N, C-alpha and C. Protein backbone atom coordinates (compact mmCIF):
# COMPACT_ATOMS: atom_id res chain seq x y z
N UNK A 1 198.22 109.88 25.46
CA UNK A 1 198.29 108.66 24.70
C UNK A 1 197.84 107.49 25.58
N UNK A 2 197.04 106.62 25.03
CA UNK A 2 196.59 105.44 25.75
C UNK A 2 197.21 104.21 25.13
N UNK A 3 197.61 103.27 25.97
CA UNK A 3 198.10 101.98 25.51
C UNK A 3 197.32 100.91 26.23
N UNK A 4 197.39 99.72 25.68
CA UNK A 4 196.69 98.60 26.30
C UNK A 4 197.71 97.60 26.79
N UNK A 5 197.51 97.11 28.01
CA UNK A 5 198.34 96.04 28.54
C UNK A 5 197.43 95.11 29.32
N UNK A 6 197.45 93.86 28.94
CA UNK A 6 196.62 92.89 29.63
C UNK A 6 195.15 93.24 29.59
N UNK A 7 194.71 93.89 28.49
CA UNK A 7 193.31 94.26 28.35
C UNK A 7 192.95 95.57 29.02
N UNK A 8 193.86 96.17 29.79
CA UNK A 8 193.59 97.42 30.48
C UNK A 8 194.17 98.59 29.69
N UNK A 9 193.41 99.67 29.63
CA UNK A 9 193.92 100.88 29.00
C UNK A 9 194.60 101.73 30.07
N UNK A 10 195.78 102.21 29.75
CA UNK A 10 196.53 103.04 30.68
C UNK A 10 196.89 104.33 29.96
N UNK A 11 196.62 105.43 30.58
CA UNK A 11 196.91 106.73 30.01
C UNK A 11 198.25 107.21 30.56
N UNK A 12 199.18 107.62 29.66
CA UNK A 12 200.51 108.08 30.08
C UNK A 12 200.42 109.27 31.02
N UNK A 13 199.52 110.19 30.74
CA UNK A 13 199.37 111.37 31.61
C UNK A 13 198.88 110.96 32.99
N UNK A 14 197.98 109.98 33.06
CA UNK A 14 197.49 109.48 34.34
C UNK A 14 198.63 108.83 35.12
N UNK A 15 199.47 108.06 34.45
CA UNK A 15 200.61 107.41 35.10
C UNK A 15 201.55 108.45 35.69
N UNK A 16 201.83 109.49 34.93
CA UNK A 16 202.73 110.54 35.42
C UNK A 16 202.09 111.29 36.59
N UNK A 17 200.80 111.55 36.51
CA UNK A 17 200.09 112.21 37.61
C UNK A 17 200.20 111.39 38.89
N UNK A 18 199.96 110.09 38.83
CA UNK A 18 200.05 109.23 40.02
C UNK A 18 201.46 109.21 40.59
N UNK A 19 202.46 109.20 39.72
CA UNK A 19 203.87 109.23 40.13
C UNK A 19 204.15 110.50 40.94
N UNK A 20 203.75 111.65 40.40
CA UNK A 20 204.03 112.91 41.07
C UNK A 20 203.18 113.08 42.34
N UNK A 21 201.98 112.51 42.37
CA UNK A 21 201.18 112.52 43.61
C UNK A 21 201.90 111.75 44.71
N UNK A 22 202.48 110.63 44.36
CA UNK A 22 203.22 109.83 45.34
C UNK A 22 204.42 110.59 45.87
N UNK A 23 205.19 111.20 44.99
CA UNK A 23 206.36 111.99 45.41
C UNK A 23 205.92 113.15 46.30
N UNK A 24 204.88 113.85 45.88
CA UNK A 24 204.37 114.99 46.65
C UNK A 24 203.97 114.55 48.06
N UNK A 25 203.25 113.43 48.15
CA UNK A 25 202.83 112.94 49.46
C UNK A 25 204.04 112.63 50.35
N UNK A 26 205.02 111.97 49.80
CA UNK A 26 206.19 111.59 50.60
C UNK A 26 206.98 112.81 51.08
N UNK A 27 207.05 113.83 50.26
CA UNK A 27 207.80 115.03 50.64
C UNK A 27 206.97 115.93 51.55
N UNK A 28 205.76 116.21 51.17
CA UNK A 28 204.93 117.18 51.91
C UNK A 28 204.35 116.60 53.19
N UNK A 29 203.73 115.43 53.11
CA UNK A 29 203.03 114.88 54.27
C UNK A 29 203.93 114.02 55.15
N UNK A 30 204.90 113.35 54.54
CA UNK A 30 205.75 112.43 55.31
C UNK A 30 207.10 113.05 55.68
N UNK A 31 207.35 114.25 55.21
CA UNK A 31 208.57 115.00 55.55
C UNK A 31 209.86 114.35 55.04
N UNK A 32 209.79 113.61 53.94
CA UNK A 32 211.01 113.09 53.33
C UNK A 32 211.64 114.21 52.53
N UNK A 33 212.94 114.10 52.32
CA UNK A 33 213.65 115.17 51.63
C UNK A 33 214.11 114.73 50.25
N UNK A 34 213.92 115.59 49.27
CA UNK A 34 214.46 115.33 47.94
C UNK A 34 215.95 115.61 48.01
N UNK A 35 216.75 114.61 47.64
CA UNK A 35 218.20 114.80 47.66
C UNK A 35 218.77 114.88 46.26
N UNK A 36 217.98 114.41 45.27
CA UNK A 36 218.45 114.52 43.88
C UNK A 36 217.28 114.33 42.92
N UNK A 37 217.26 115.15 41.88
CA UNK A 37 216.29 114.98 40.78
C UNK A 37 217.11 114.83 39.51
N UNK A 38 216.85 113.77 38.77
CA UNK A 38 217.59 113.50 37.55
C UNK A 38 217.04 114.34 36.41
N UNK A 39 217.94 114.89 35.62
CA UNK A 39 217.54 115.71 34.48
C UNK A 39 217.13 114.86 33.28
N UNK A 40 217.54 113.59 33.26
CA UNK A 40 217.27 112.72 32.11
C UNK A 40 215.86 112.17 32.08
N UNK A 41 215.15 112.31 33.14
CA UNK A 41 213.81 111.76 33.20
C UNK A 41 213.31 111.75 34.63
N UNK A 42 212.14 111.24 34.82
CA UNK A 42 211.56 111.29 36.16
C UNK A 42 212.20 110.29 37.12
N UNK A 43 213.39 110.65 37.61
CA UNK A 43 214.07 109.87 38.65
C UNK A 43 214.30 110.81 39.82
N UNK A 44 213.77 110.44 40.97
CA UNK A 44 213.88 111.26 42.17
C UNK A 44 214.46 110.41 43.28
N UNK A 45 215.44 110.95 43.99
CA UNK A 45 216.00 110.30 45.17
C UNK A 45 215.48 111.03 46.40
N UNK A 46 214.92 110.27 47.33
CA UNK A 46 214.43 110.84 48.59
C UNK A 46 215.23 110.25 49.75
N UNK A 47 215.41 111.07 50.77
CA UNK A 47 216.02 110.59 52.01
C UNK A 47 214.92 110.50 53.06
N UNK A 48 214.79 109.33 53.63
CA UNK A 48 213.81 109.10 54.69
C UNK A 48 214.59 108.95 55.99
N UNK A 49 214.64 110.02 56.76
CA UNK A 49 215.38 110.00 58.02
C UNK A 49 214.45 110.12 59.22
N UNK A 50 213.19 109.66 59.04
CA UNK A 50 212.22 109.76 60.12
C UNK A 50 212.43 108.69 61.19
N UNK A 51 213.04 107.58 60.85
CA UNK A 51 213.23 106.49 61.81
C UNK A 51 214.64 106.48 62.37
N UNK A 52 214.96 105.38 63.03
CA UNK A 52 216.29 105.22 63.60
C UNK A 52 217.35 105.16 62.51
N UNK A 53 217.00 104.44 61.44
CA UNK A 53 217.95 104.26 60.33
C UNK A 53 217.48 105.06 59.13
N UNK A 54 218.37 105.84 58.57
CA UNK A 54 218.06 106.58 57.36
C UNK A 54 218.08 105.63 56.19
N UNK A 55 217.12 105.79 55.30
CA UNK A 55 217.16 105.01 54.07
C UNK A 55 216.94 105.94 52.89
N UNK A 56 217.43 105.51 51.75
CA UNK A 56 217.28 106.26 50.52
C UNK A 56 216.27 105.55 49.64
N UNK A 57 215.42 106.35 49.01
CA UNK A 57 214.40 105.83 48.12
C UNK A 57 214.62 106.43 46.74
N UNK A 58 214.75 105.59 45.75
CA UNK A 58 214.90 106.05 44.37
C UNK A 58 213.59 105.73 43.65
N UNK A 59 212.93 106.76 43.14
CA UNK A 59 211.68 106.58 42.41
C UNK A 59 211.93 106.86 40.93
N UNK A 60 211.48 105.93 40.10
CA UNK A 60 211.68 106.06 38.67
C UNK A 60 210.37 105.72 37.97
N UNK A 61 209.89 106.62 37.13
CA UNK A 61 208.70 106.37 36.31
C UNK A 61 209.19 105.87 34.97
N UNK A 62 208.96 104.58 34.71
CA UNK A 62 209.52 103.99 33.50
C UNK A 62 208.74 102.75 33.11
N UNK A 63 208.48 102.61 31.83
CA UNK A 63 207.89 101.38 31.30
C UNK A 63 208.99 100.58 30.64
N UNK A 64 208.87 99.26 30.72
CA UNK A 64 209.86 98.37 30.14
C UNK A 64 209.15 97.40 29.21
N UNK A 65 209.70 97.23 28.01
CA UNK A 65 209.14 96.25 27.09
C UNK A 65 209.62 94.85 27.46
N UNK A 66 210.88 94.75 27.86
CA UNK A 66 211.49 93.45 28.15
C UNK A 66 212.19 93.49 29.50
N UNK A 67 212.27 92.33 30.14
CA UNK A 67 212.87 92.26 31.47
C UNK A 67 214.36 92.61 31.44
N UNK A 68 215.05 92.40 30.32
CA UNK A 68 216.47 92.76 30.27
C UNK A 68 216.65 94.28 30.42
N UNK A 69 215.69 95.06 29.93
CA UNK A 69 215.75 96.52 30.12
C UNK A 69 215.62 96.86 31.60
N UNK A 70 214.73 96.17 32.29
CA UNK A 70 214.56 96.38 33.73
C UNK A 70 215.83 95.99 34.47
N UNK A 71 216.43 94.83 34.11
CA UNK A 71 217.68 94.40 34.76
C UNK A 71 218.79 95.43 34.56
N UNK A 72 218.89 96.00 33.36
CA UNK A 72 219.90 97.02 33.08
C UNK A 72 219.67 98.25 33.96
N UNK A 73 218.42 98.65 34.10
CA UNK A 73 218.09 99.80 34.95
C UNK A 73 218.41 99.50 36.41
N UNK A 74 218.15 98.29 36.86
CA UNK A 74 218.47 97.91 38.25
C UNK A 74 219.97 97.98 38.48
N UNK A 75 220.76 97.52 37.53
CA UNK A 75 222.23 97.59 37.65
C UNK A 75 222.69 99.04 37.72
N UNK A 76 222.12 99.89 36.89
CA UNK A 76 222.48 101.33 36.92
C UNK A 76 222.10 101.94 38.26
N UNK A 77 220.92 101.60 38.75
CA UNK A 77 220.46 102.14 40.03
C UNK A 77 221.36 101.66 41.18
N UNK A 78 221.79 100.42 41.12
CA UNK A 78 222.68 99.89 42.16
C UNK A 78 224.00 100.66 42.19
N UNK A 79 224.58 100.89 41.02
CA UNK A 79 225.84 101.65 40.95
C UNK A 79 225.62 103.09 41.41
N UNK A 80 224.51 103.68 41.00
CA UNK A 80 224.21 105.05 41.42
C UNK A 80 223.99 105.14 42.92
N UNK A 81 223.43 104.09 43.51
CA UNK A 81 223.18 104.12 44.96
C UNK A 81 224.47 104.26 45.75
N UNK A 82 225.54 103.63 45.29
CA UNK A 82 226.83 103.79 45.98
C UNK A 82 227.33 105.23 45.89
N UNK A 83 227.16 105.84 44.73
CA UNK A 83 227.59 107.25 44.57
C UNK A 83 226.76 108.18 45.45
N UNK A 84 225.45 107.95 45.49
CA UNK A 84 224.56 108.81 46.28
C UNK A 84 224.86 108.63 47.77
N UNK A 85 225.03 107.39 48.21
CA UNK A 85 225.38 107.15 49.62
C UNK A 85 226.66 107.88 50.00
N UNK A 86 227.65 107.78 49.13
CA UNK A 86 228.94 108.41 49.41
C UNK A 86 228.81 109.94 49.45
N UNK A 87 228.11 110.49 48.47
CA UNK A 87 227.94 111.94 48.39
C UNK A 87 227.21 112.49 49.61
N UNK A 88 226.22 111.75 50.11
CA UNK A 88 225.42 112.20 51.26
C UNK A 88 226.00 111.75 52.59
N UNK A 89 227.12 111.04 52.53
CA UNK A 89 227.75 110.49 53.73
C UNK A 89 226.78 109.58 54.49
N UNK A 90 226.07 108.76 53.73
CA UNK A 90 225.13 107.78 54.28
C UNK A 90 225.55 106.39 53.79
N UNK A 91 226.78 106.05 54.03
CA UNK A 91 227.36 104.82 53.48
C UNK A 91 226.64 103.55 53.92
N UNK A 92 225.97 103.57 55.06
CA UNK A 92 225.32 102.37 55.58
C UNK A 92 223.82 102.34 55.30
N UNK A 93 223.31 103.35 54.62
CA UNK A 93 221.87 103.44 54.38
C UNK A 93 221.39 102.34 53.43
N UNK A 94 220.21 101.83 53.71
CA UNK A 94 219.54 100.91 52.79
C UNK A 94 218.94 101.72 51.66
N UNK A 95 218.82 101.10 50.49
CA UNK A 95 218.25 101.77 49.33
C UNK A 95 217.11 100.92 48.79
N UNK A 96 215.98 101.58 48.56
CA UNK A 96 214.85 100.93 47.90
C UNK A 96 214.66 101.63 46.56
N UNK A 97 214.81 100.87 45.51
CA UNK A 97 214.64 101.35 44.14
C UNK A 97 213.20 101.05 43.75
N UNK A 98 212.36 102.09 43.69
CA UNK A 98 210.94 101.91 43.41
C UNK A 98 210.68 102.34 41.97
N UNK A 99 210.27 101.37 41.15
CA UNK A 99 209.97 101.65 39.76
C UNK A 99 208.46 101.70 39.60
N UNK A 100 207.94 102.89 39.29
CA UNK A 100 206.53 103.03 38.99
C UNK A 100 206.38 102.76 37.49
N UNK A 101 205.75 101.65 37.18
CA UNK A 101 205.73 101.17 35.79
C UNK A 101 204.32 101.18 35.23
N UNK A 102 204.01 102.13 34.35
CA UNK A 102 202.72 102.08 33.69
C UNK A 102 202.53 100.77 32.93
N UNK A 103 203.62 100.25 32.35
CA UNK A 103 203.59 99.00 31.60
C UNK A 103 204.77 98.16 32.04
N UNK A 104 204.52 96.97 32.50
CA UNK A 104 205.57 96.07 32.95
C UNK A 104 206.08 95.26 31.75
N UNK A 105 207.26 94.65 31.87
CA UNK A 105 207.78 93.84 30.76
C UNK A 105 206.81 92.74 30.35
N UNK A 106 206.83 92.43 29.06
CA UNK A 106 205.92 91.40 28.55
C UNK A 106 206.42 90.00 28.92
N UNK A 107 207.72 89.87 29.19
CA UNK A 107 208.24 88.58 29.62
C UNK A 107 208.37 88.57 31.14
N UNK A 108 208.80 87.47 31.69
CA UNK A 108 208.86 87.32 33.14
C UNK A 108 209.96 88.20 33.75
N UNK A 109 209.58 89.01 34.71
CA UNK A 109 210.53 89.90 35.37
C UNK A 109 210.53 89.73 36.89
N UNK A 110 209.60 88.97 37.41
CA UNK A 110 209.39 88.88 38.85
C UNK A 110 210.63 88.41 39.61
N UNK A 111 211.44 87.54 39.00
CA UNK A 111 212.64 87.04 39.69
C UNK A 111 213.72 88.12 39.81
N UNK A 112 213.60 89.21 39.06
CA UNK A 112 214.60 90.28 39.09
C UNK A 112 214.31 91.34 40.15
N UNK A 113 213.13 91.29 40.74
CA UNK A 113 212.74 92.33 41.69
C UNK A 113 212.34 91.70 43.02
N UNK A 114 212.26 92.55 44.03
CA UNK A 114 211.86 92.10 45.35
C UNK A 114 210.36 92.28 45.51
N UNK A 115 209.79 91.51 46.41
CA UNK A 115 208.40 91.75 46.76
C UNK A 115 208.36 92.94 47.70
N UNK A 116 207.24 93.57 47.76
CA UNK A 116 207.09 94.76 48.61
C UNK A 116 206.94 94.33 50.06
N UNK A 117 208.01 93.82 50.63
CA UNK A 117 208.02 93.37 52.03
C UNK A 117 209.16 94.08 52.75
N UNK A 118 209.08 94.21 54.05
CA UNK A 118 210.15 94.88 54.80
C UNK A 118 211.47 94.12 54.70
N UNK A 119 212.57 94.86 54.86
CA UNK A 119 213.88 94.22 54.98
C UNK A 119 213.80 93.26 56.14
N UNK A 120 214.24 92.04 55.95
CA UNK A 120 214.11 91.03 57.01
C UNK A 120 215.35 90.94 57.88
N UNK A 121 216.52 91.17 57.32
CA UNK A 121 217.75 90.98 58.09
C UNK A 121 218.06 92.17 58.99
N UNK A 122 217.48 93.32 58.69
CA UNK A 122 217.75 94.50 59.50
C UNK A 122 219.17 94.99 59.34
N UNK A 123 219.79 94.61 58.25
CA UNK A 123 221.19 94.97 58.01
C UNK A 123 221.35 96.36 57.45
N UNK A 124 222.54 96.61 56.96
CA UNK A 124 222.87 97.90 56.40
C UNK A 124 223.33 97.70 54.96
N UNK A 125 223.25 98.77 54.20
CA UNK A 125 223.69 98.79 52.81
C UNK A 125 222.94 97.79 51.94
N UNK A 126 221.71 97.50 52.29
CA UNK A 126 220.90 96.62 51.47
C UNK A 126 220.33 97.41 50.30
N UNK A 127 220.12 96.72 49.20
CA UNK A 127 219.55 97.32 48.00
C UNK A 127 218.49 96.37 47.48
N UNK A 128 217.34 96.91 47.18
CA UNK A 128 216.30 96.09 46.55
C UNK A 128 215.48 96.95 45.61
N UNK A 129 214.86 96.29 44.67
CA UNK A 129 214.02 96.95 43.69
C UNK A 129 212.60 96.43 43.84
N UNK A 130 211.66 97.36 43.87
CA UNK A 130 210.24 97.02 43.92
C UNK A 130 209.58 97.69 42.72
N UNK A 131 208.82 96.90 41.97
CA UNK A 131 208.09 97.44 40.83
C UNK A 131 206.65 97.69 41.26
N UNK A 132 206.19 98.91 41.00
CA UNK A 132 204.80 99.28 41.28
C UNK A 132 204.07 99.39 39.94
N UNK A 133 203.48 98.30 39.46
CA UNK A 133 202.69 98.41 38.23
C UNK A 133 201.51 99.34 38.47
N UNK A 134 201.25 100.22 37.57
CA UNK A 134 200.19 101.22 37.76
C UNK A 134 198.84 100.56 38.05
N UNK A 135 198.54 99.46 37.36
CA UNK A 135 197.23 98.84 37.57
C UNK A 135 197.15 98.11 38.91
N UNK A 136 198.28 97.90 39.59
CA UNK A 136 198.31 97.26 40.90
C UNK A 136 198.90 98.18 41.96
N UNK A 137 198.92 99.46 41.69
CA UNK A 137 199.62 100.42 42.53
C UNK A 137 199.23 100.33 44.00
N UNK A 138 197.96 100.34 44.27
CA UNK A 138 197.50 100.36 45.67
C UNK A 138 197.85 99.08 46.41
N UNK A 139 197.66 97.92 45.77
CA UNK A 139 197.93 96.66 46.47
C UNK A 139 199.41 96.44 46.71
N UNK A 140 200.26 96.89 45.81
CA UNK A 140 201.71 96.73 45.98
C UNK A 140 202.25 97.82 46.90
N UNK A 141 201.66 99.00 46.85
CA UNK A 141 202.14 100.10 47.68
C UNK A 141 201.78 99.91 49.15
N UNK A 142 200.72 99.20 49.44
CA UNK A 142 200.28 99.03 50.84
C UNK A 142 201.37 98.43 51.74
N UNK A 143 202.06 97.33 51.36
CA UNK A 143 203.12 96.82 52.23
C UNK A 143 204.27 97.83 52.43
N UNK A 144 204.58 98.59 51.39
CA UNK A 144 205.63 99.61 51.53
C UNK A 144 205.16 100.71 52.47
N UNK A 145 203.92 101.13 52.36
CA UNK A 145 203.39 102.17 53.25
C UNK A 145 203.43 101.71 54.70
N UNK A 146 203.16 100.43 54.90
CA UNK A 146 203.22 99.87 56.26
C UNK A 146 204.66 99.87 56.75
N UNK A 147 205.56 99.41 55.93
CA UNK A 147 206.99 99.38 56.30
C UNK A 147 207.51 100.77 56.60
N UNK A 148 207.18 101.72 55.76
CA UNK A 148 207.70 103.07 55.92
C UNK A 148 206.90 103.88 56.92
N UNK A 149 205.87 103.29 57.51
CA UNK A 149 205.03 103.95 58.50
C UNK A 149 204.46 105.27 57.95
N UNK A 150 203.85 105.17 56.78
CA UNK A 150 203.27 106.35 56.15
C UNK A 150 201.91 106.67 56.74
N UNK A 151 201.55 107.94 56.71
CA UNK A 151 200.24 108.37 57.19
C UNK A 151 199.15 107.96 56.22
């Protein structure tokens, strides 16, 4: 199925393919570990323990019509992050909630998410959400790839 957003046609199958390519790369080439796969949809939790500090990455393939839907998902992800940290005994791990969005909300959502920049405080138990719009995937993913020291 193809949809149009901002004049661009986006194919749902293409969006899903790019999502799974990203997950595959992080697991196979970057040696991150899958710690949880959600049965309700394409939500994958990865543990990145390659550096000094372990961090958890939550990847979700989801389109949002309105920013309130995105805010609700961010709240759910934040609550889930505490459960995942506790279950994995990684209570101090930072969490990056990465939403791969074939279609972003039609209203303003930018104030609800973080820019794809490194954690600045260097603290623990930080949580942020980064939206990767499919049509801007490479430009938004580049700062994250630099932060995560990806190959």
